[in-house]
Amino acid sequence: MPRKLAPDMWLFGVVVVLLSIGVVMVYSASAIVAADRFGDPYFFLKKQLFWALLGAAGLWLAIRVDYRRLEGWVLPLLVVAAALLVLVLIPPIGQAINGTRRWIRVGPVSFQPVELAKIALVVYLAAFLAKRGDALAEFRRGLLPPLAVAGLLAALVLVQPDLGNCLTLIALTFALLFLAGGRVAHLGLILAGALPLVAIAIWMAPYRLRRITAFVDPWADPRGSGFQIIQSWLALGNGGVLGQGIGASKQKLFYLPESHTDFIFAVIGEELGFLGAATVVALFVILVWRGLRIGLRAPDPFGAYLALGITVLIATQTLVNLGVVTGLLPTKGLPLPFISFGGSALLVTILSTGVLLNISQHADV
């Protein structure tokens, strides 16, 4: 198909709007906390702007460099991602924060290796399925290799421990295998065999059990395990239809934990109301629509699976975050793409979208 001169402007516009909303809401949700902790109300805003601008530069580069080159980077990406996931577990390389080791600090910059692992897995799956997608009916040749790679990365992430991102990697793998034509019976049996392992992982960690208990009945422990979701509900309920106005959230005033990161959507609901929250959801729906459209119309199998993988990854993290904030899912530490405060997560998400936009230049969208 002929090369298009411009990327998908629907997708590009949605990304710009989501990033803009994210910058505004990160400042609104974090200014009081930042002033209290660091004596600078712009502390988190400046960091978010830095990563957003760095991501914008990366997006521009990703649009210009042909996405097909990524197929040759599969092995280096996987090796680097796996090595970093091992290094983050080794002190003092990995930072211990709240009993977990998920961050590597280099000077003033911290990043999460799991973010690189996500995109590395997407690239690997796209390359594998493009070459051997016709073998998915066979377990050993078609399903075992991608499941083994995803399982290794997921296991390293689980050791940090980070069950949320571990399950994200697994969900991404199963979704792409299904979209590529994997047999539902085979995938169902494998998934059924993996469920006991997830149950054991939850049972062995008391804090995970408390999260499940809080999900079932947060009012059983309103000042403990149920505190966060209750405060999130109060924020969403206080927003009404039109919201309290930007900057007017009450729950962000030291009531709602992680108000500028994992639970920023609750602040959006309180300050912008149901209409504002619904608009954000609608923007993500448009993003997923355009991503799937790009994948289905990509000029080659690698581009198709790469676009679908990136879209599924963003959609999965969005659904999990919104599910947690609204109480439809147990609490997991996954940020809202483009909007939550974060460095490596924001940067990788923007770069991934740049790759998606690059594919759109070759697709008839």
Protein backbone atom coordinates (compact mmCIF):
# COMPACT_ATOMS: atom_id res chain seq x y z
CA MET A 1 0.00 0.00 0.00
CA PRO A 2 1.22 3.55 -0.63
CA ARG A 3 2.88 5.39 2.21
CA LYS A 4 0.79 8.11 3.77
CA LEU A 5 2.36 11.49 4.31
CA ALA A 6 0.82 12.02 7.75
CA PRO A 7 0.16 9.74 10.72
CA ASP A 8 -3.33 9.07 12.05
CA MET A 9 -4.43 12.52 13.22
CA TRP A 10 -7.30 11.13 15.30
CA LEU A 11 -4.84 9.14 17.37
CA PHE A 12 -2.35 11.99 17.54
CA GLY A 13 -5.02 14.45 18.67
CA VAL A 14 -6.30 12.12 21.39
CA VAL A 15 -2.77 11.59 22.74
CA VAL A 16 -2.14 15.35 22.86
CA VAL A 17 -5.42 15.96 24.70
CA LEU A 18 -4.81 13.13 27.20
CA LEU A 19 -1.28 14.37 27.91
CA SER A 20 -2.60 17.90 28.42
CA ILE A 21 -5.27 16.66 30.82
CA GLY A 22 -2.62 14.64 32.63
CA VAL A 23 -0.30 17.61 33.15
CA VAL A 24 -3.13 19.81 34.47
CA MET A 25 -4.55 17.12 36.76
CA VAL A 26 -1.15 16.03 38.10
CA TYR A 27 -0.55 19.61 39.23
CA SER A 28 -4.05 19.94 40.65
CA ALA A 29 -3.82 16.62 42.52
CA SER A 30 -0.26 17.03 43.80
CA ALA A 31 0.33 20.72 44.54
CA ILE A 32 -0.71 20.59 48.21
CA VAL A 33 1.15 17.34 48.88
CA ALA A 34 4.24 18.60 47.04
CA ALA A 35 4.26 21.83 49.03
CA ASP A 36 3.96 19.88 52.27
CA ARG A 37 6.64 17.27 51.47
CA PHE A 38 9.13 19.23 49.39
CA GLY A 39 8.26 22.90 49.97
CA ASP A 40 7.55 23.29 46.25
CA PRO A 41 3.97 22.99 44.92
CA TYR A 42 5.38 22.56 41.39
CA PHE A 43 7.61 19.60 42.33
CA PHE A 44 5.56 16.88 40.62
CA LEU A 45 4.41 19.18 37.83
CA LYS A 46 7.99 19.92 36.79
CA LYS A 47 8.84 16.22 36.74
CA GLN A 48 5.72 15.40 34.73
CA LEU A 49 6.51 18.15 32.21
CA PHE A 50 10.08 16.88 31.86
CA TRP A 51 8.96 13.32 31.08
CA ALA A 52 6.15 14.53 28.82
CA LEU A 53 8.56 16.67 26.78
CA LEU A 54 11.11 13.85 26.66
CA GLY A 55 8.32 11.55 25.53
CA ALA A 56 7.24 14.05 22.88
CA ALA A 57 10.78 14.04 21.46
CA GLY A 58 10.74 10.24 21.51
CA LEU A 59 7.35 10.21 19.79
CA TRP A 60 8.68 12.44 17.01
CA LEU A 61 11.64 10.08 16.56
CA ALA A 62 9.42 6.98 16.63
CA ILE A 63 7.23 8.45 13.89
CA ARG A 64 10.26 9.06 11.66
CA VAL A 65 12.07 5.72 12.13
CA ASP A 66 10.43 2.87 10.21
CA TYR A 67 8.75 0.49 12.66
CA ARG A 68 10.04 -2.53 10.70
CA ARG A 69 13.49 -1.93 12.19
CA LEU A 70 12.13 -3.08 15.54
CA GLU A 71 11.89 -6.62 14.21
CA GLY A 72 15.68 -6.77 14.21
CA TRP A 73 15.87 -5.51 17.80
CA VAL A 74 13.82 -8.31 19.37
CA LEU A 75 16.67 -10.22 21.01
CA PRO A 76 18.55 -7.14 22.33
CA LEU A 77 15.31 -5.71 23.78
CA LEU A 78 14.46 -8.98 25.53
CA VAL A 79 17.98 -9.46 26.89
CA VAL A 80 18.19 -5.88 28.22
CA ALA A 81 14.69 -6.07 29.71
CA ALA A 82 15.39 -9.38 31.46
CA ALA A 83 18.79 -8.18 32.71
CA LEU A 84 17.25 -5.03 34.19
CA LEU A 85 14.50 -7.07 35.85
CA VAL A 86 17.24 -9.12 37.52
CA LEU A 87 19.36 -6.10 38.45
CA VAL A 88 16.43 -4.31 40.09
CA LEU A 89 16.27 -7.15 42.62
CA ILE A 90 19.91 -6.64 43.67
CA PRO A 91 20.66 -4.00 46.31
CA PRO A 92 21.83 -1.29 46.10
CA ILE A 93 21.01 -1.19 42.37
CA GLY A 94 17.30 -1.65 42.96
CA GLN A 95 15.61 0.84 45.26
CA ALA A 96 13.58 -0.67 48.11
CA ILE A 97 10.35 1.32 48.44
CA ASN A 98 7.54 0.09 50.71
CA GLY A 99 8.98 -3.41 50.72
CA THR A 100 9.27 -3.73 46.94
CA ARG A 101 12.14 -3.42 44.50
CA ARG A 102 10.74 -1.96 41.29
CA TRP A 103 12.97 1.06 40.65
CA ILE A 104 16.51 1.60 39.45
CA ARG A 105 17.99 5.04 40.15
CA VAL A 106 20.67 6.56 37.92
CA GLY A 107 21.65 9.93 39.39
CA PRO A 108 18.49 12.01 39.79
CA VAL A 109 16.47 9.76 37.44
CA SER A 110 14.51 6.67 38.49
CA PHE A 111 12.87 4.20 36.15
CA GLN A 112 10.94 0.92 36.31
CA PRO A 113 12.45 -1.91 34.24
CA VAL A 114 9.01 -3.50 33.93
CA GLU A 115 7.98 -0.71 31.54
CA LEU A 116 10.73 -1.74 29.12
CA ALA A 117 9.76 -5.38 29.62
CA LYS A 118 6.19 -4.63 28.46
CA ILE A 119 7.18 -3.10 25.15
CA ALA A 120 9.95 -5.68 24.65
CA LEU A 121 7.35 -8.44 25.05
CA VAL A 122 5.03 -6.72 22.56
CA VAL A 123 7.83 -6.50 19.96
CA TYR A 124 8.83 -10.13 20.55
CA LEU A 125 5.26 -11.42 20.26
CA ALA A 126 4.68 -9.38 17.09
CA ALA A 127 7.85 -10.77 15.48
CA PHE A 128 7.11 -14.34 16.59
CA LEU A 129 3.50 -14.32 15.41
CA ALA A 130 4.45 -12.71 12.10
CA LYS A 131 6.88 -15.57 11.39
CA ARG A 132 5.21 -18.54 13.06
CA GLY A 133 1.58 -17.55 13.50
CA ASP A 134 0.51 -20.49 11.35
CA ALA A 135 1.92 -22.87 13.98
CA LEU A 136 -0.38 -21.71 16.81
CA ALA A 137 -2.46 -24.85 16.48
CA GLU A 138 0.57 -26.78 17.80
CA PHE A 139 1.42 -26.34 21.46
CA ARG A 140 5.17 -27.01 21.28
CA ARG A 141 5.96 -24.92 18.19
CA GLY A 142 3.24 -22.29 18.38
CA LEU A 143 2.27 -21.66 22.01
CA LEU A 144 5.18 -22.83 24.16
CA PRO A 145 7.86 -20.31 23.00
CA PRO A 146 5.80 -17.11 23.59
CA LEU A 147 4.36 -18.48 26.83
CA ALA A 148 7.87 -19.37 28.06
CA VAL A 149 9.24 -15.88 27.30
CA ALA A 150 6.22 -14.15 28.84
CA GLY A 151 6.34 -16.50 31.84
CA LEU A 152 10.02 -15.72 32.49
CA LEU A 153 9.44 -11.95 32.38
CA ALA A 154 6.28 -12.26 34.48
CA ALA A 155 8.09 -14.37 37.09
CA LEU A 156 10.87 -11.78 37.41
CA VAL A 157 8.26 -9.06 37.85
CA LEU A 158 6.36 -11.11 40.45
CA VAL A 159 9.53 -11.48 42.55
CA GLN A 160 9.79 -7.65 42.95
CA PRO A 161 6.88 -8.19 44.02
CA ASP A 162 4.47 -6.68 41.47
CA LEU A 163 1.46 -8.86 40.81
CA GLY A 164 -0.38 -6.16 38.85
CA ASN A 165 2.26 -5.80 36.13
CA CYS A 166 2.89 -9.56 36.21
CA LEU A 167 -0.74 -10.19 35.31
CA THR A 168 -0.58 -7.41 32.70
CA LEU A 169 2.22 -9.25 30.87
CA ILE A 170 0.24 -12.50 31.00
CA ALA A 171 -2.99 -10.84 29.84
CA LEU A 172 -1.14 -9.16 26.96
CA THR A 173 0.32 -12.49 25.83
CA PHE A 174 -2.98 -14.37 25.94
CA ALA A 175 -4.80 -11.53 24.15
CA LEU A 176 -2.31 -11.44 21.27
CA LEU A 177 -2.24 -15.23 20.97
CA PHE A 178 -6.03 -15.21 20.80
CA LEU A 179 -6.11 -12.42 18.19
CA ALA A 180 -3.52 -14.31 16.14
CA GLY A 181 -5.77 -17.36 15.96
CA GLY A 182 -4.69 -19.42 18.95
CA ARG A 183 -7.13 -22.16 19.88
CA VAL A 184 -9.50 -21.11 22.64
CA ALA A 185 -9.41 -24.63 24.11
CA HIS A 186 -5.60 -24.58 24.37
CA LEU A 187 -5.49 -21.08 25.84
CA GLY A 188 -8.31 -21.93 28.27
CA LEU A 189 -6.52 -25.01 29.56
CA ILE A 190 -3.26 -23.10 30.03
CA LEU A 191 -5.09 -20.28 31.79
CA ALA A 192 -6.90 -22.75 34.05
CA GLY A 193 -3.55 -24.24 35.01
CA ALA A 194 -2.14 -20.79 35.80
CA LEU A 195 -5.00 -19.73 38.09
CA PRO A 196 -3.84 -21.85 41.05
CA LEU A 197 -0.42 -20.18 40.80
CA VAL A 198 -2.08 -16.76 41.01
CA ALA A 199 -4.12 -17.94 43.99
CA ILE A 200 -0.94 -19.15 45.73
CA ALA A 201 0.79 -15.80 45.02
CA ILE A 202 -2.14 -13.98 46.63
CA TRP A 203 -2.32 -16.38 49.59
CA MET A 204 1.40 -16.09 50.36
CA ALA A 205 1.27 -12.28 50.61
CA PRO A 206 -0.96 -11.03 53.47
CA TYR A 207 -1.28 -7.55 51.94
CA ARG A 208 -2.75 -9.07 48.78
CA LEU A 209 -5.29 -10.98 50.84
CA ARG A 210 -6.23 -7.73 52.56
CA ARG A 211 -6.78 -6.12 49.15
CA ILE A 212 -9.13 -8.95 48.16
CA THR A 213 -10.99 -8.58 51.46
CA ALA A 214 -11.25 -4.82 50.97
CA PHE A 215 -12.55 -5.38 47.44
CA VAL A 216 -15.31 -7.66 48.71
CA ASP A 217 -16.28 -5.40 51.63
CA PRO A 218 -14.25 -2.19 52.08
CA TRP A 219 -16.51 -1.08 54.94
CA ALA A 220 -15.32 -4.02 57.05
CA ASP A 221 -12.07 -2.08 57.60
CA PRO A 222 -12.83 1.56 56.61
CA ARG A 223 -9.68 2.95 58.23
CA GLY A 224 -7.37 0.20 57.04
CA SER A 225 -7.49 -1.88 53.88
CA GLY A 226 -10.77 -0.34 52.72
CA PHE A 227 -9.70 3.28 53.27
CA GLN A 228 -8.38 4.00 49.78
CA ILE A 229 -11.35 2.76 47.79
CA ILE A 230 -13.80 4.45 50.15
CA GLN A 231 -12.00 7.77 49.69
CA SER A 232 -12.05 7.18 45.94
CA TRP A 233 -15.82 6.66 46.01
CA LEU A 234 -16.26 9.80 48.09
CA ALA A 235 -14.27 11.78 45.52
CA LEU A 236 -16.26 10.41 42.59
CA GLY A 237 -19.56 10.97 44.40
CA ASN A 238 -18.63 14.51 45.43
CA GLY A 239 -18.01 15.41 41.79
CA GLY A 240 -21.64 15.11 40.76
CA VAL A 241 -22.42 15.86 37.14
CA LEU A 242 -20.29 18.97 36.54
CA GLY A 243 -17.65 18.62 39.27
CA GLN A 244 -16.32 20.97 41.93
CA GLY A 245 -13.95 22.74 39.53
CA ILE A 246 -10.24 22.29 38.84
CA GLY A 247 -8.28 22.61 42.07
CA ALA A 248 -11.35 22.24 44.30
CA SER A 249 -11.03 18.56 45.22
CA LYS A 250 -11.39 17.86 48.93
CA GLN A 251 -10.24 14.23 48.90
CA LYS A 252 -6.80 15.09 47.54
CA LEU A 253 -6.12 17.03 50.76
CA PHE A 254 -4.32 14.11 52.44
CA TYR A 255 -7.43 11.86 52.39
CA LEU A 256 -7.02 9.95 49.12
CA PRO A 257 -3.66 8.09 48.94
CA GLU A 258 -1.84 8.17 45.59
CA SER A 259 -4.14 10.94 44.38
CA HIS A 260 -1.69 12.07 41.66
CA THR A 261 -0.66 8.57 40.56
CA ASP A 262 -2.86 5.46 40.59
CA PHE A 263 -6.02 7.23 41.81
CA ILE A 264 -5.84 10.40 39.74
CA PHE A 265 -9.07 9.44 37.95
CA ALA A 266 -10.92 9.89 41.26
CA VAL A 267 -9.66 13.49 41.42
CA ILE A 268 -10.75 13.98 37.80
CA GLY A 269 -14.20 12.73 38.75
CA GLU A 270 -14.40 15.07 41.75
CA GLU A 271 -13.11 18.19 39.99
CA LEU A 272 -14.54 17.68 36.50
CA GLY A 273 -17.60 15.66 37.43
CA PHE A 274 -19.28 12.83 35.57
CA LEU A 275 -19.03 14.71 32.28
CA GLY A 276 -15.29 15.24 32.66
CA ALA A 277 -14.67 11.64 33.69
CA ALA A 278 -16.84 10.37 30.82
CA THR A 279 -14.89 12.56 28.40
CA VAL A 280 -11.61 10.99 29.54
CA VAL A 281 -13.09 7.51 29.09
CA ALA A 282 -14.36 8.49 25.63
CA LEU A 283 -10.86 9.65 24.66
CA PHE A 284 -9.45 6.25 25.61
CA VAL A 285 -12.22 4.54 23.62
CA ILE A 286 -11.22 6.58 20.56
CA LEU A 287 -7.55 5.72 21.14
CA VAL A 288 -8.33 1.99 21.30
CA TRP A 289 -10.57 2.25 18.23
CA ARG A 290 -7.85 3.93 16.17
CA GLY A 291 -5.20 1.51 17.45
CA LEU A 292 -7.25 -1.54 16.50
CA ARG A 293 -8.05 0.03 13.15
CA ILE A 294 -4.36 0.62 12.47
CA GLY A 295 -3.54 -2.96 13.44
CA LEU A 296 -6.24 -4.47 11.25
CA ARG A 297 -5.15 -2.37 8.25
CA ALA A 298 -1.38 -2.62 8.68
CA PRO A 299 0.51 -3.58 5.51
CA ASP A 300 2.35 -6.57 7.02
CA PRO A 301 1.82 -9.14 9.83
CA PHE A 302 4.57 -7.68 12.05
CA GLY A 303 3.02 -4.21 11.88
CA ALA A 304 -0.43 -5.66 12.51
CA TYR A 305 0.54 -7.59 15.63
CA LEU A 306 2.74 -4.75 16.87
CA ALA A 307 -0.12 -2.26 16.60
CA LEU A 308 -2.59 -4.66 18.19
CA GLY A 309 -0.14 -5.44 21.00
CA ILE A 310 0.48 -1.79 21.84
CA THR A 311 -3.25 -1.09 21.75
CA VAL A 312 -4.07 -4.09 23.96
CA LEU A 313 -1.35 -3.06 26.43
CA ILE A 314 -2.71 0.50 26.76
CA ALA A 315 -6.31 -0.74 26.90
CA THR A 316 -5.51 -3.33 29.59
CA GLN A 317 -3.76 -0.84 31.86
CA THR A 318 -6.57 1.68 31.36
CA LEU A 319 -9.31 -0.83 32.17
CA VAL A 320 -7.48 -2.10 35.26
CA ASN A 321 -6.84 1.44 36.56
CA LEU A 322 -10.44 2.54 36.02
CA GLY A 323 -11.68 -0.72 37.53
CA VAL A 324 -9.58 -0.19 40.65
CA VAL A 325 -10.58 3.46 41.10
CA THR A 326 -14.29 2.65 40.75
CA GLY A 327 -14.08 -0.43 42.98
CA LEU A 328 -14.80 -2.94 40.23
CA LEU A 329 -11.39 -4.59 40.68
CA PRO A 330 -9.10 -5.18 43.69
CA THR A 331 -6.45 -2.52 44.23
CA LYS A 332 -3.45 -2.82 41.89
CA GLY A 333 -0.62 -0.37 41.37
CA LEU A 334 -1.14 0.40 37.70
CA PRO A 335 -1.13 4.04 36.53
CA LEU A 336 -3.66 5.56 34.14
CA PRO A 337 -1.81 5.88 30.79
CA PHE A 338 -0.85 9.43 29.74
CA ILE A 339 -2.49 10.95 32.84
CA SER A 340 -1.03 9.53 36.06
CA PHE A 341 2.18 11.02 37.42
CA GLY A 342 5.15 8.88 36.43
CA GLY A 343 8.40 8.92 34.52
CA SER A 344 9.24 5.60 32.87
CA ALA A 345 5.59 4.58 32.47
CA LEU A 346 4.69 7.85 30.77
CA LEU A 347 7.79 7.81 28.57
CA VAL A 348 7.28 4.23 27.36
CA THR A 349 3.57 4.80 26.73
CA ILE A 350 4.30 7.86 24.58
CA LEU A 351 7.08 6.04 22.70
CA SER A 352 4.75 3.10 22.08
CA THR A 353 2.13 5.47 20.71
CA GLY A 354 4.80 6.93 18.42
CA VAL A 355 5.37 3.45 17.01
CA LEU A 356 1.61 3.10 16.55
CA LEU A 357 1.53 6.39 14.67
CA ASN A 358 4.45 5.22 12.53
CA ILE A 359 2.52 2.11 11.53
CA SER A 360 -0.48 4.29 10.66
CA GLN A 361 1.64 6.04 8.04
CA HIS A 362 1.90 2.75 6.17
CA ALA A 363 -1.68 1.60 6.78
CA ASP A 364 -4.83 2.54 4.90
CA VAL A 365 -6.65 4.14 7.84
